[in-house]
Amino acid sequence: MILVFSTLSVWFVPFLVIGLYSEACCAKCTSSCGNIQNISYPFRLKGDPINCGNSRYNLSCENNVTVLHQHSGNYYVQAINYSQSTIRVVDPGIQMNNCSSIPRYHLSIDEDIYYLFSTPVSFLKCADQVNSSLYVDAAPCINITPTGTTLPEQKTYGYVMIGWENASNFVVGCSIEWTSAINIPWYQDYPVQNASYEFLHNAMAYGFDLGYRSLTGYSCRGWNRFANCLPYTISGMYVIN
């Protein structure tokens, strides 16, 4: 009986510890910052208790604005949809009803955690005027002329192109200056030829969706030695479902 009890104890204690850590990790923590009132798992604000959310999904609160940090820069969070697993963000350089405002960043996503769930937008600078249904003229909002000159041969033209970049869509003499996105799922066609630049600009100012990846392997359902939300104190322990 003593031997059996000892054996059960050896198995029971680690599972008890694991269960307690899992419960602590999955505590129902809720934070808020500015207009974002329900920041909860998997997200967390920097400075929240360590058992809140997952450190891979850190947000920060800066001047009462919720901020998501990505490779390309810091984006303002507009909304979080937990049922859809999306987070809507906006480039801080884009201002609603100010069509001359431009993106601050060339969009680059931390693809280990997020993916673009919206339609990309490319801002183009072209040496000549372009006649293409794929290009939306950004004038007079964006009329790119080198500073300090009015010579016609040095004037360039601004356009936006909606959709994923494809070499066959580019016109010789055009280059990409900035990238952003509009909140239309990437799998839906968009009638760009019917859109004005002002409409597209306000769509960008509304923000775009990033999907966030499944926490399989990082969840609190069991033990994972690589999960940031669980203390790694027992060598050799892996996921237990």
Protein backbone atom coordinates (compact mmCIF):
# COMPACT_ATOMS: atom_id res chain seq x y z
CA MET A 1 0.00 0.00 0.00
CA ILE A 2 2.82 2.39 0.79
CA LEU A 3 4.52 1.72 -2.54
CA VAL A 4 1.27 2.25 -4.42
CA PHE A 5 0.59 5.46 -2.57
CA SER A 6 4.07 6.76 -3.32
CA THR A 7 3.69 5.95 -6.98
CA LEU A 8 0.37 7.74 -7.17
CA SER A 9 1.86 10.70 -5.38
CA VAL A 10 4.66 10.95 -7.92
CA TRP A 11 2.08 11.21 -10.71
CA PHE A 12 -0.52 13.19 -8.84
CA VAL A 13 1.64 16.07 -7.62
CA PRO A 14 2.94 17.19 -11.07
CA PHE A 15 -0.58 17.05 -12.49
CA LEU A 16 -1.88 19.07 -9.55
CA VAL A 17 0.85 21.67 -10.09
CA ILE A 18 0.13 21.74 -13.82
CA GLY A 19 -3.57 22.20 -13.21
CA LEU A 20 -2.97 25.06 -10.80
CA TYR A 21 -0.62 26.82 -13.24
CA SER A 22 -3.07 26.31 -16.10
CA GLU A 23 -5.89 27.77 -14.04
CA ALA A 24 -3.72 30.75 -13.10
CA CYS A 25 -2.72 31.29 -16.72
CA CYS A 26 -6.31 31.28 -17.89
CA ALA A 27 -7.59 33.68 -15.28
CA LYS A 28 -10.34 35.92 -16.64
CA CYS A 29 -8.42 39.18 -16.74
CA THR A 30 -9.90 42.21 -18.49
CA SER A 31 -8.12 45.50 -19.15
CA SER A 32 -9.10 48.69 -20.92
CA CYS A 33 -7.39 51.60 -22.64
CA GLY A 34 -9.20 54.49 -24.30
CA ASN A 35 -11.96 53.21 -26.56
CA ILE A 36 -10.94 49.56 -26.20
CA GLN A 37 -12.82 48.45 -23.10
CA ASN A 38 -12.51 44.66 -23.28
CA ILE A 39 -8.87 43.61 -23.62
CA SER A 40 -8.83 39.95 -22.61
CA TYR A 41 -7.25 36.62 -23.47
CA PRO A 42 -5.20 36.10 -25.56
CA PHE A 43 -4.42 39.83 -25.47
CA ARG A 44 -2.96 41.69 -22.54
CA LEU A 45 -1.70 45.18 -21.80
CA LYS A 46 1.92 45.66 -20.89
CA GLY A 47 2.04 45.92 -17.12
CA ASP A 48 -0.90 43.55 -16.55
CA PRO A 49 -0.38 40.74 -14.01
CA ILE A 50 1.74 37.95 -15.46
CA ASN A 51 -1.17 35.50 -15.44
CA CYS A 52 -3.24 37.72 -17.76
CA GLY A 53 -3.33 36.88 -21.47
CA ASN A 54 -0.36 35.66 -23.47
CA SER A 55 2.86 37.67 -23.72
CA ARG A 56 2.97 37.03 -27.48
CA TYR A 57 -0.14 39.22 -27.74
CA ASN A 58 1.06 42.27 -25.83
CA LEU A 59 -0.66 45.59 -26.45
CA SER A 60 0.37 48.90 -24.93
CA CYS A 61 -1.60 51.91 -23.71
CA GLU A 62 0.02 55.14 -24.91
CA ASN A 63 -1.66 58.50 -24.28
CA ASN A 64 -4.92 56.62 -23.69
CA VAL A 65 -4.67 54.88 -27.08
CA THR A 66 -4.33 51.11 -27.45
CA VAL A 67 -1.30 50.33 -29.62
CA LEU A 68 -0.26 47.16 -31.45
CA HIS A 69 3.44 46.89 -32.23
CA GLN A 70 4.37 45.29 -35.56
CA HIS A 71 7.58 44.97 -37.58
CA SER A 72 6.78 48.09 -39.59
CA GLY A 73 5.65 50.29 -36.71
CA ASN A 74 2.98 51.00 -34.11
CA TYR A 75 -0.67 50.78 -35.15
CA TYR A 76 -3.68 52.16 -33.29
CA VAL A 77 -6.18 49.49 -32.25
CA GLN A 78 -9.77 50.30 -33.27
CA ALA A 79 -11.57 47.11 -32.21
CA ILE A 80 -11.05 43.48 -31.22
CA ASN A 81 -13.45 40.80 -32.45
CA TYR A 82 -12.90 37.71 -30.32
CA SER A 83 -15.49 35.58 -32.12
CA GLN A 84 -13.81 36.24 -35.49
CA SER A 85 -10.26 36.20 -34.05
CA THR A 86 -9.47 39.56 -35.66
CA ILE A 87 -8.08 42.87 -34.44
CA ARG A 88 -8.77 46.06 -36.40
CA VAL A 89 -5.93 48.56 -36.53
CA VAL A 90 -5.12 51.76 -38.40
CA ASP A 91 -1.91 53.39 -39.54
CA PRO A 92 -1.57 56.56 -37.38
CA GLY A 93 -0.57 58.59 -40.44
CA ILE A 94 -4.02 58.16 -42.02
CA GLN A 95 -6.57 60.74 -40.87
CA MET A 96 -10.29 60.53 -41.54
CA ASN A 97 -11.57 63.24 -43.94
CA ASN A 98 -8.03 64.42 -44.70
CA CYS A 99 -7.25 62.77 -48.01
CA SER A 100 -3.78 64.32 -48.19
CA SER A 101 -2.68 62.32 -45.14
CA ILE A 102 -0.58 59.28 -46.02
CA PRO A 103 0.49 56.07 -44.24
CA ARG A 104 3.36 56.44 -41.83
CA TYR A 105 4.56 52.87 -42.40
CA HIS A 106 5.21 50.38 -45.17
CA LEU A 107 2.99 47.58 -43.85
CA SER A 108 4.93 44.61 -42.50
CA ILE A 109 3.24 42.05 -40.21
CA ASP A 110 4.62 39.76 -37.55
CA GLU A 111 3.46 36.66 -39.45
CA ASP A 112 4.25 34.25 -36.63
CA ILE A 113 1.25 35.68 -34.80
CA TYR A 114 -0.89 37.68 -37.25
CA TYR A 115 -1.98 37.57 -40.87
CA LEU A 116 -3.63 40.17 -43.08
CA PHE A 117 -7.38 39.53 -43.21
CA SER A 118 -8.01 42.60 -45.36
CA THR A 119 -7.22 43.83 -48.85
CA PRO A 120 -3.82 45.50 -49.30
CA VAL A 121 -3.45 48.97 -50.79
CA SER A 122 -0.28 50.14 -52.53
CA PHE A 123 0.58 53.82 -52.93
CA LEU A 124 2.45 54.39 -56.19
CA LYS A 125 4.60 57.18 -57.55
CA CYS A 126 4.71 57.23 -61.34
CA ALA A 127 6.88 59.23 -63.71
CA ASP A 128 4.01 59.57 -66.20
CA GLN A 129 0.24 59.59 -66.07
CA VAL A 130 -1.26 56.10 -66.09
CA ASN A 131 -4.43 55.03 -67.86
CA SER A 132 -5.42 51.77 -66.16
CA SER A 133 -8.58 50.56 -64.45
CA LEU A 134 -6.35 49.07 -61.72
CA TYR A 135 -4.97 52.46 -60.72
CA VAL A 136 -6.97 55.07 -58.80
CA ASP A 137 -5.75 58.63 -59.31
CA ALA A 138 -4.84 60.22 -55.96
CA ALA A 139 -4.87 63.79 -57.31
CA PRO A 140 -5.56 66.39 -56.08
CA CYS A 141 -5.16 64.82 -52.62
CA ILE A 142 -1.67 63.55 -53.40
CA ASN A 143 0.15 65.38 -56.15
CA ILE A 144 3.79 64.42 -55.87
CA THR A 145 6.15 67.17 -57.03
CA PRO A 146 9.77 67.40 -55.86
CA THR A 147 10.26 70.14 -53.27
CA GLY A 148 11.56 73.43 -54.62
CA THR A 149 10.85 72.84 -58.29
CA THR A 150 8.00 73.36 -60.73
CA LEU A 151 9.67 71.92 -63.82
CA PRO A 152 7.16 69.74 -65.72
CA GLU A 153 9.72 67.02 -66.45
CA GLN A 154 10.28 66.50 -62.73
CA LYS A 155 6.62 66.16 -61.81
CA THR A 156 5.41 62.73 -60.71
CA TYR A 157 1.90 61.33 -60.29
CA GLY A 158 0.29 59.57 -57.36
CA TYR A 159 -1.97 56.51 -57.60
CA VAL A 160 -3.24 53.70 -55.40
CA MET A 161 -3.67 50.08 -56.45
CA ILE A 162 -6.01 47.74 -54.61
CA GLY A 163 -5.17 44.08 -54.11
CA TRP A 164 -2.14 41.85 -53.86
CA GLU A 165 0.94 43.00 -55.70
CA ASN A 166 1.39 41.27 -59.03
CA ALA A 167 4.26 42.03 -61.38
CA SER A 168 1.89 42.02 -64.38
CA ASN A 169 -0.09 44.91 -62.82
CA PHE A 170 2.84 47.30 -62.56
CA VAL A 171 3.47 50.01 -65.09
CA VAL A 172 7.03 50.90 -66.11
CA GLY A 173 8.08 54.08 -64.33
CA CYS A 174 5.99 53.45 -61.19
CA SER A 175 7.33 52.55 -57.74
CA ILE A 176 5.65 51.62 -54.46
CA GLU A 177 6.01 54.35 -51.84
CA TRP A 178 3.77 53.08 -49.01
CA THR A 179 1.42 50.20 -48.27
CA SER A 180 -1.68 49.94 -46.13
CA ALA A 181 -4.97 48.01 -46.31
CA ILE A 182 -8.74 48.46 -46.35
CA ASN A 183 -11.22 46.46 -44.32
CA ILE A 184 -12.43 44.17 -47.09
CA PRO A 185 -11.60 40.46 -46.72
CA TRP A 186 -8.75 39.50 -49.04
CA TYR A 187 -10.85 36.82 -50.78
CA GLN A 188 -13.50 39.29 -51.98
CA ASP A 189 -13.21 41.11 -55.30
CA TYR A 190 -13.36 44.87 -55.08
CA PRO A 191 -14.72 47.08 -57.92
CA VAL A 192 -11.79 49.51 -57.81
CA GLN A 193 -12.77 51.19 -61.06
CA ASN A 194 -15.89 52.56 -59.36
CA ALA A 195 -14.13 53.99 -56.30
CA SER A 196 -12.85 57.48 -55.74
CA TYR A 197 -9.59 58.09 -53.93
CA GLU A 198 -11.43 59.99 -51.17
CA PHE A 199 -13.65 56.95 -50.55
CA LEU A 200 -10.67 54.59 -50.43
CA HIS A 201 -8.81 56.97 -48.13
CA ASN A 202 -11.64 57.06 -45.61
CA ALA A 203 -11.85 53.25 -45.85
CA MET A 204 -8.17 53.14 -44.87
CA ALA A 205 -8.82 55.57 -42.02
CA TYR A 206 -11.49 53.17 -40.70
CA GLY A 207 -8.74 50.57 -40.31
CA PHE A 208 -8.05 47.05 -41.48
CA ASP A 209 -8.33 43.61 -39.92
CA LEU A 210 -5.48 41.38 -38.84
CA GLY A 211 -6.36 37.80 -38.00
CA TYR A 212 -4.51 36.36 -35.06
CA ARG A 213 -3.29 32.81 -35.16
CA SER A 214 -4.56 29.87 -33.14
CA LEU A 215 -2.92 29.38 -29.78
CA THR A 216 -2.57 25.62 -30.37
CA GLY A 217 0.66 24.74 -28.65
CA TYR A 218 0.47 28.00 -26.68
CA SER A 219 -2.87 27.49 -25.01
CA CYS A 220 -3.67 26.91 -21.38
CA ARG A 221 -5.44 23.58 -21.96
CA GLY A 222 -2.35 21.68 -20.87
CA TRP A 223 1.33 22.01 -20.14
CA ASN A 224 3.72 23.31 -22.78
CA ARG A 225 7.34 24.03 -21.94
CA PHE A 226 7.46 26.67 -24.69
CA ALA A 227 4.29 28.56 -23.76
CA ASN A 228 5.01 32.03 -22.39
CA CYS A 229 1.90 32.02 -20.24
CA LEU A 230 2.98 28.99 -18.20
CA PRO A 231 5.99 29.02 -15.84
CA TYR A 232 8.61 26.57 -17.10
CA THR A 233 9.86 24.90 -13.97
CA ILE A 234 9.67 21.15 -14.65
CA SER A 235 12.17 19.88 -17.23
CA GLY A 236 10.89 17.55 -19.93
CA MET A 237 7.17 18.31 -19.58
CA TYR A 238 5.25 18.84 -22.83
CA VAL A 239 1.64 19.34 -23.91
CA ILE A 240 -0.84 17.18 -22.01
CA ASN A 241 -4.37 17.33 -23.40
